Amino acid sequence: MNDIWQGLTEAFRLIVYLDRDLLEIAARSLQVTITAVFIASLIGLPLGALLSVNRFRFRRPTIALLNALMGLPPVVVGLIVYILLSRSGPFGVLGLLFTPTAMIIAQVIIITPLIASIAHQAIRDLWAEYHDLLISLNTTKTQRMRALIWDSRRSLLTAALAGFGRGIGEVGAIMIVGGNIDHVTRVLTTAIALETGKGDFALALGLGFVLIALAIAVNLTIHAVSQTEQTGRW
């Protein structure tokens, strides 16, 4: 109980005094995760729509594989990305290892199956409702996908938030490919792991509370924007 109280006090102190290191780490955490979610959404949302609209031979196995990849172990993803980006790897010449870009790549691989799977489930239900209408209008597959993505945007926003939640709390893959380098690749989760290893539980808890507050703030902001849009439609 004492550690929790100290953690709350430390978090309050860091926020009130606008600790420079905290602001830098929090900003980097948001930068990496929001960028990864954006890229993963660009891949996952059309993929989910494609699997809903198109019928092809290996569609069911593809959906099953996509659902299975939702539970992809982050440390394994981190290891694979590390091997690919290391000096002896095929992309080592790019010099991306231990950079925020490498962290974004790892998060995109982790988040994309989650967003695509949730998007597929949401768009599949809408496609069953709109199927006859869109077919009768003689729309192309691309037009159908665009219409379904737009009309299911609220559900797809939930998919993006789920991806954000998984990404912002990720530590295993981020630690492997980022290296937790101070002022370069240190984010809130890796900073918490570092402080816990050092035995500074108060600071670790403080950073943890900041991380939770940050995730809640982003979710509430997006929820408020969504509610504003809904009100505007009326």
Protein backbone atom coordinates (compact mmCIF):
# COMPACT_ATOMS: atom_id res chain seq x y z
CA MET A 1 0.00 0.00 0.00
CA ASN A 2 2.89 2.33 0.80
CA ASP A 3 4.42 1.70 -2.63
CA ILE A 4 1.14 2.55 -4.33
CA TRP A 5 0.85 5.80 -2.39
CA GLN A 6 4.44 6.68 -3.24
CA GLY A 7 3.74 5.85 -6.89
CA LEU A 8 0.74 8.16 -6.95
CA THR A 9 2.75 10.91 -5.29
CA GLU A 10 5.60 10.46 -7.77
CA ALA A 11 3.21 10.47 -10.74
CA PHE A 12 1.57 13.65 -9.44
CA ARG A 13 4.97 15.31 -8.98
CA LEU A 14 6.14 14.34 -12.46
CA ILE A 15 2.99 15.68 -14.08
CA VAL A 16 2.67 18.88 -12.05
CA TYR A 17 6.29 19.89 -12.58
CA LEU A 18 6.17 18.83 -16.27
CA ASP A 19 9.23 16.63 -15.90
CA ARG A 20 11.22 16.95 -19.13
CA ASP A 21 12.18 13.27 -19.31
CA LEU A 22 8.59 12.20 -18.67
CA LEU A 23 7.25 14.47 -21.40
CA GLU A 24 9.87 13.18 -23.84
CA ILE A 25 9.15 9.53 -23.02
CA ALA A 26 5.36 10.02 -23.16
CA ALA A 27 5.59 11.87 -26.48
CA ARG A 28 7.74 9.11 -27.95
CA SER A 29 5.30 6.48 -26.71
CA LEU A 30 2.42 8.27 -28.42
CA GLN A 31 4.42 8.90 -31.58
CA VAL A 32 5.40 5.25 -31.99
CA THR A 33 2.00 3.77 -31.15
CA ILE A 34 -0.17 6.25 -33.06
CA THR A 35 2.03 5.89 -36.14
CA ALA A 36 1.87 2.10 -35.88
CA VAL A 37 -1.92 2.16 -35.45
CA PHE A 38 -2.29 4.46 -38.46
CA ILE A 39 -0.19 2.18 -40.69
CA ALA A 40 -1.85 -0.96 -39.34
CA SER A 41 -5.28 0.56 -40.01
CA LEU A 42 -4.31 1.36 -43.60
CA ILE A 43 -3.46 -2.33 -44.01
CA GLY A 44 -6.00 -4.00 -41.72
CA LEU A 45 -9.21 -2.15 -42.59
CA PRO A 46 -9.08 -2.82 -46.36
CA LEU A 47 -7.99 -6.40 -45.62
CA GLY A 48 -11.00 -6.91 -43.34
CA ALA A 49 -13.30 -5.45 -46.00
CA LEU A 50 -11.71 -7.60 -48.71
CA LEU A 51 -12.28 -10.78 -46.71
CA SER A 52 -15.90 -9.79 -46.14
CA VAL A 53 -16.79 -8.89 -49.74
CA ASN A 54 -14.68 -11.31 -51.77
CA ARG A 55 -15.20 -15.03 -52.02
CA PHE A 56 -12.12 -17.02 -52.99
CA ARG A 57 -10.79 -20.53 -52.52
CA PHE A 58 -8.65 -20.06 -49.40
CA ARG A 59 -10.83 -17.42 -47.76
CA ARG A 60 -11.74 -19.45 -44.66
CA PRO A 61 -8.16 -20.59 -43.97
CA THR A 62 -7.03 -16.98 -44.42
CA ILE A 63 -9.58 -15.76 -41.86
CA ALA A 64 -8.57 -18.54 -39.47
CA LEU A 65 -4.91 -17.60 -39.86
CA LEU A 66 -5.71 -13.94 -39.29
CA ASN A 67 -7.56 -14.77 -36.08
CA ALA A 68 -4.68 -16.96 -34.94
CA LEU A 69 -2.19 -14.13 -35.55
CA MET A 70 -4.11 -11.97 -33.07
CA GLY A 71 -2.32 -13.96 -30.36
CA LEU A 72 1.10 -13.61 -31.94
CA PRO A 73 3.72 -13.49 -29.13
CA PRO A 74 5.28 -10.00 -29.16
CA VAL A 75 8.74 -11.28 -28.17
CA VAL A 76 8.75 -13.56 -31.21
CA VAL A 77 7.81 -10.62 -33.42
CA GLY A 78 10.58 -8.61 -31.83
CA LEU A 79 13.08 -11.39 -32.44
CA ILE A 80 12.10 -11.74 -36.11
CA VAL A 81 12.28 -7.99 -36.70
CA TYR A 82 15.62 -7.88 -34.89
CA ILE A 83 17.04 -10.58 -37.17
CA LEU A 84 15.74 -8.84 -40.29
CA LEU A 85 17.11 -5.44 -39.28
CA SER A 86 20.42 -6.58 -37.76
CA ARG A 87 23.66 -5.96 -39.64
CA SER A 88 23.74 -9.54 -40.88
CA GLY A 89 20.05 -9.45 -41.85
CA PRO A 90 18.58 -8.62 -45.26
CA PHE A 91 17.61 -5.09 -44.21
CA GLY A 92 20.63 -4.35 -42.04
CA VAL A 93 21.96 -1.88 -44.58
CA LEU A 94 19.07 0.46 -43.72
CA GLY A 95 20.38 0.94 -40.18
CA LEU A 96 16.91 0.84 -38.61
CA LEU A 97 17.69 -1.36 -35.61
CA PHE A 98 17.43 0.43 -32.24
CA THR A 99 15.45 3.29 -33.73
CA PRO A 100 11.79 4.35 -33.31
CA THR A 101 11.20 3.11 -36.86
CA ALA A 102 12.09 -0.44 -35.84
CA MET A 103 9.68 -0.14 -32.92
CA ILE A 104 6.92 1.03 -35.26
CA ILE A 105 7.56 -1.91 -37.61
CA ALA A 106 7.27 -4.38 -34.74
CA GLN A 107 4.07 -2.79 -33.48
CA VAL A 108 2.52 -2.76 -36.97
CA ILE A 109 3.11 -6.52 -37.25
CA ILE A 110 1.53 -7.07 -33.83
CA ILE A 111 -1.44 -4.73 -34.30
CA THR A 112 -2.46 -5.39 -37.92
CA PRO A 113 -4.03 -8.87 -37.39
CA LEU A 114 -6.05 -7.51 -34.46
CA ILE A 115 -7.43 -4.56 -36.42
CA ALA A 116 -8.07 -6.66 -39.54
CA SER A 117 -9.90 -9.38 -37.59
CA ILE A 118 -12.20 -6.94 -35.75
CA ALA A 119 -12.78 -5.03 -39.00
CA HIS A 120 -13.73 -8.25 -40.78
CA GLN A 121 -16.29 -9.14 -38.14
CA ALA A 122 -17.85 -5.66 -38.23
CA ILE A 123 -17.91 -5.34 -42.02
CA ARG A 124 -19.14 -8.92 -42.52
CA ASP A 125 -22.33 -8.16 -40.57
CA LEU A 126 -22.87 -4.92 -42.50
CA TRP A 127 -22.21 -6.68 -45.82
CA ALA A 128 -24.99 -9.16 -45.06
CA GLU A 129 -27.34 -6.20 -44.61
CA TYR A 130 -26.16 -4.16 -47.63
CA HIS A 131 -25.43 -7.06 -49.99
CA ASP A 132 -28.54 -6.85 -52.16
CA LEU A 133 -28.51 -3.06 -52.32
CA LEU A 134 -24.88 -2.77 -53.38
CA ILE A 135 -25.24 -5.56 -55.92
CA SER A 136 -28.35 -3.94 -57.42
CA LEU A 137 -26.49 -0.66 -57.81
CA ASN A 138 -23.90 -2.49 -59.95
CA THR A 139 -21.03 -1.26 -57.79
CA THR A 140 -17.47 -2.48 -58.16
CA LYS A 141 -15.76 -4.41 -55.37
CA THR A 142 -13.68 -1.35 -54.52
CA GLN A 143 -16.79 0.82 -54.24
CA ARG A 144 -18.45 -1.78 -52.03
CA MET A 145 -15.44 -1.91 -49.74
CA ARG A 146 -15.32 1.88 -49.46
CA ALA A 147 -19.03 2.10 -48.67
CA LEU A 148 -18.83 -0.63 -46.04
CA ILE A 149 -15.74 0.87 -44.40
CA TRP A 150 -17.40 4.29 -44.23
CA ASP A 151 -20.71 3.03 -42.84
CA SER A 152 -19.01 0.85 -40.24
CA ARG A 153 -16.53 3.55 -39.21
CA ARG A 154 -17.69 3.55 -35.58
CA SER A 155 -17.01 -0.16 -35.21
CA LEU A 156 -13.71 0.28 -37.04
CA LEU A 157 -12.80 3.03 -34.60
CA THR A 158 -13.16 0.43 -31.87
CA ALA A 159 -10.77 -1.80 -33.82
CA ALA A 160 -8.22 1.03 -33.99
CA LEU A 161 -8.62 1.69 -30.26
CA ALA A 162 -8.04 -2.00 -29.55
CA GLY A 163 -4.86 -1.78 -31.61
CA PHE A 164 -3.80 1.34 -29.72
CA GLY A 165 -4.42 -0.37 -26.39
CA ARG A 166 -2.26 -3.32 -27.34
CA GLY A 167 0.46 -1.15 -28.83
CA ILE A 168 0.78 1.40 -26.02
CA GLY A 169 1.25 -1.37 -23.46
CA GLU A 170 3.73 -3.43 -25.50
CA VAL A 171 7.16 -3.99 -23.95
CA GLY A 172 8.70 -7.26 -25.18
CA ALA A 173 9.12 -6.51 -28.88
CA ILE A 174 9.86 -2.84 -28.19
CA MET A 175 12.65 -3.74 -25.80
CA ILE A 176 14.26 -6.13 -28.31
CA VAL A 177 14.22 -3.91 -31.40
CA GLY A 178 14.46 -0.54 -29.62
CA GLY A 179 17.04 -1.33 -26.97
CA ASN A 180 15.52 1.09 -24.41
CA ILE A 181 18.11 3.75 -25.28
CA ASP A 182 17.71 6.93 -23.24
CA HIS A 183 16.54 9.92 -25.32
CA VAL A 184 16.30 7.69 -28.41
CA THR A 185 14.01 4.69 -28.00
CA ARG A 186 12.91 4.74 -24.37
CA VAL A 187 9.13 4.68 -24.00
CA LEU A 188 6.87 4.41 -20.96
CA THR A 189 6.70 0.61 -20.91
CA THR A 190 10.45 0.10 -21.22
CA ALA A 191 11.08 2.85 -18.66
CA ILE A 192 8.76 1.05 -16.23
CA ALA A 193 10.62 -2.22 -16.80
CA LEU A 194 13.94 -0.45 -16.23
CA GLU A 195 12.88 1.24 -13.00
CA THR A 196 11.36 -2.00 -11.70
CA GLY A 197 14.63 -3.80 -12.39
CA LYS A 198 16.50 -1.08 -10.50
CA GLY A 199 14.16 -1.51 -7.55
CA ASP A 200 12.67 1.99 -7.83
CA PHE A 201 9.08 0.82 -7.47
CA ALA A 202 7.71 4.27 -6.64
CA LEU A 203 8.95 5.75 -9.93
CA ALA A 204 7.87 2.61 -11.83
CA LEU A 205 4.37 2.93 -10.39
CA GLY A 206 4.37 6.63 -11.16
CA LEU A 207 5.21 5.95 -14.79
CA GLY A 208 2.59 3.19 -14.80
CA PHE A 209 -0.11 5.57 -13.62
CA VAL A 210 0.96 8.07 -16.29
CA LEU A 211 0.72 5.33 -18.93
CA ILE A 212 -2.79 4.38 -17.79
CA ALA A 213 -3.86 8.03 -17.72
CA LEU A 214 -2.45 8.55 -21.22
CA ALA A 215 -4.35 5.55 -22.62
CA ILE A 216 -7.59 6.66 -20.96
CA ALA A 217 -7.15 10.23 -22.22
CA VAL A 218 -6.71 9.08 -25.83
CA ASN A 219 -9.76 6.81 -25.60
CA LEU A 220 -11.92 9.54 -24.05
CA THR A 221 -10.81 12.04 -26.69
CA ILE A 222 -11.73 9.71 -29.55
CA HIS A 223 -15.02 8.85 -27.82
CA ALA A 224 -15.82 12.56 -27.49
CA VAL A 225 -15.05 13.14 -31.17
CA SER A 226 -17.28 10.21 -32.09
CA GLN A 227 -20.13 11.54 -29.95
CA THR A 228 -19.74 14.99 -31.51
CA GLU A 229 -20.00 13.48 -34.99
CA GLN A 230 -23.10 11.53 -33.98
CA THR A 231 -24.74 14.67 -32.58
CA GLY A 232 -23.84 16.60 -35.71
CA ARG A 233 -25.62 14.04 -37.89
CA TRP A 234 -28.88 14.73 -36.08
